[in-house]
């Protein structure tokens, strides 16, 4: 799957490969972005009791440039990735609750 994302208003492209799957409860995606950046995303669903479902989400990002790239990424991204993850989960929650 190919995806276009934006970071601080600058678009970039990521190519995702579904690397592992145990349908319908687990998926692991590996992403390759610009300048040899990499990402790993995991989704896991499990029973949470009383008809509820627990959703676990892991997102690991490896910027290009080794240690210097990690420092630069923190300066550029700041807290944006956590804000974006929380906003995305809030939208997902609204969609799921709307269908119930």
Protein backbone atom coordinates (compact mmCIF):
# COMPACT_ATOMS: atom_id res chain seq x y z
CA UNK A 1 0.00 0.00 0.00
CA UNK A 2 1.29 3.48 -0.78
CA UNK A 3 0.44 6.37 1.51
CA UNK A 4 1.03 10.12 1.42
CA UNK A 5 1.53 11.72 4.83
CA UNK A 6 2.29 15.26 5.95
CA UNK A 7 4.75 16.39 8.56
CA UNK A 8 4.59 20.06 9.46
CA UNK A 9 2.82 20.72 6.16
CA UNK A 10 5.39 18.89 4.01
CA UNK A 11 4.04 15.83 2.16
CA UNK A 12 6.05 12.62 1.91
CA UNK A 13 5.34 9.11 0.65
CA UNK A 14 5.56 5.79 2.48
CA UNK A 15 5.32 2.34 0.92
CA UNK A 16 3.76 -0.18 3.34
CA UNK A 17 4.05 -3.96 3.17
CA UNK A 18 1.82 -6.26 5.21
CA UNK A 19 4.64 -8.34 6.71
CA UNK A 20 2.67 -10.55 9.08
CA UNK A 21 -1.00 -11.23 9.74
CA UNK A 22 -3.12 -13.43 11.97
CA UNK A 23 -6.61 -12.41 10.80
CA UNK A 24 -8.67 -10.99 12.30
CA UNK A 25 -6.63 -10.20 15.44
CA UNK A 26 -3.13 -9.13 14.38
CA UNK A 27 -1.34 -7.27 11.60
CA UNK A 28 2.23 -5.99 11.27
CA UNK A 29 3.03 -3.41 8.59
CA UNK A 30 6.57 -2.42 7.54
CA UNK A 31 6.98 0.98 5.92
CA UNK A 32 9.74 2.51 3.82
CA UNK A 33 9.85 6.27 3.47
CA UNK A 34 12.12 8.94 2.06
CA UNK A 35 15.89 8.91 2.65
CA UNK A 36 15.84 5.30 3.89
CA UNK A 37 13.51 6.04 6.81
CA UNK A 38 11.59 3.04 8.13
CA UNK A 39 8.50 2.45 10.20
CA UNK A 40 6.84 -0.53 11.84
CA UNK A 41 3.16 -0.58 12.84
CA UNK A 42 1.37 -3.32 14.74
CA UNK A 43 -2.37 -3.70 15.34
CA UNK A 44 -3.69 -6.27 17.81
CA UNK A 45 -7.31 -6.96 18.80
CA UNK A 46 -8.23 -9.01 21.86
CA UNK A 47 -11.25 -9.64 24.05
CA UNK A 48 -11.64 -7.20 26.93
CA UNK A 49 -14.67 -8.83 28.57
CA UNK A 50 -18.36 -7.94 28.54
CA UNK A 51 -18.46 -7.77 24.74
CA UNK A 52 -15.67 -5.16 24.56
CA UNK A 53 -12.60 -5.34 22.33
CA UNK A 54 -9.14 -4.13 23.29
CA UNK A 55 -7.18 -2.41 20.50
CA UNK A 56 -3.39 -2.25 20.85
CA UNK A 57 -1.41 -0.02 18.49
CA UNK A 58 2.37 0.20 18.20
CA UNK A 59 4.19 2.61 15.90
CA UNK A 60 7.98 2.57 15.67
CA UNK A 61 9.82 5.03 13.44
CA UNK A 62 13.48 4.93 12.44
CA UNK A 63 14.61 8.20 10.84
CA UNK A 64 17.51 8.31 8.41
CA UNK A 65 20.93 9.44 9.62
CA UNK A 66 21.57 7.26 12.68
CA UNK A 67 21.85 9.06 16.04
CA UNK A 68 21.97 12.48 14.40
CA UNK A 69 18.75 11.63 12.56
CA UNK A 70 17.07 10.63 15.85
CA UNK A 71 17.99 13.99 17.44
CA UNK A 72 16.88 15.94 14.36
CA UNK A 73 13.60 14.00 14.25
CA UNK A 74 12.80 14.96 17.85
CA UNK A 75 13.36 18.62 17.04
CA UNK A 76 11.29 18.51 13.84
CA UNK A 77 8.44 16.32 15.05
CA UNK A 78 8.30 17.31 18.72
CA UNK A 79 5.07 16.09 20.31
CA UNK A 80 3.24 16.00 16.97
CA UNK A 81 3.31 12.21 16.63
CA UNK A 82 1.65 11.62 20.01
CA UNK A 83 -0.99 14.28 19.26
CA UNK A 84 -1.67 12.72 15.86
CA UNK A 85 -1.95 9.22 17.32
CA UNK A 86 -4.40 10.39 19.99
CA UNK A 87 -6.46 12.31 17.42
CA UNK A 88 -6.55 9.28 15.12
CA UNK A 89 -7.67 6.99 17.96
CA UNK A 90 -10.36 9.49 18.98
CA UNK A 91 -11.72 9.52 15.40
CA UNK A 92 -11.67 5.71 15.30
CA UNK A 93 -13.54 5.59 18.62
CA UNK A 94 -16.21 7.98 17.28
CA UNK A 95 -16.69 5.85 14.18
CA UNK A 96 -17.04 2.65 16.21
CA UNK A 97 -19.43 4.17 18.74
CA UNK A 98 -21.56 5.70 15.98
CA UNK A 99 -22.19 2.23 14.50
CA UNK A 100 -23.44 0.80 17.82
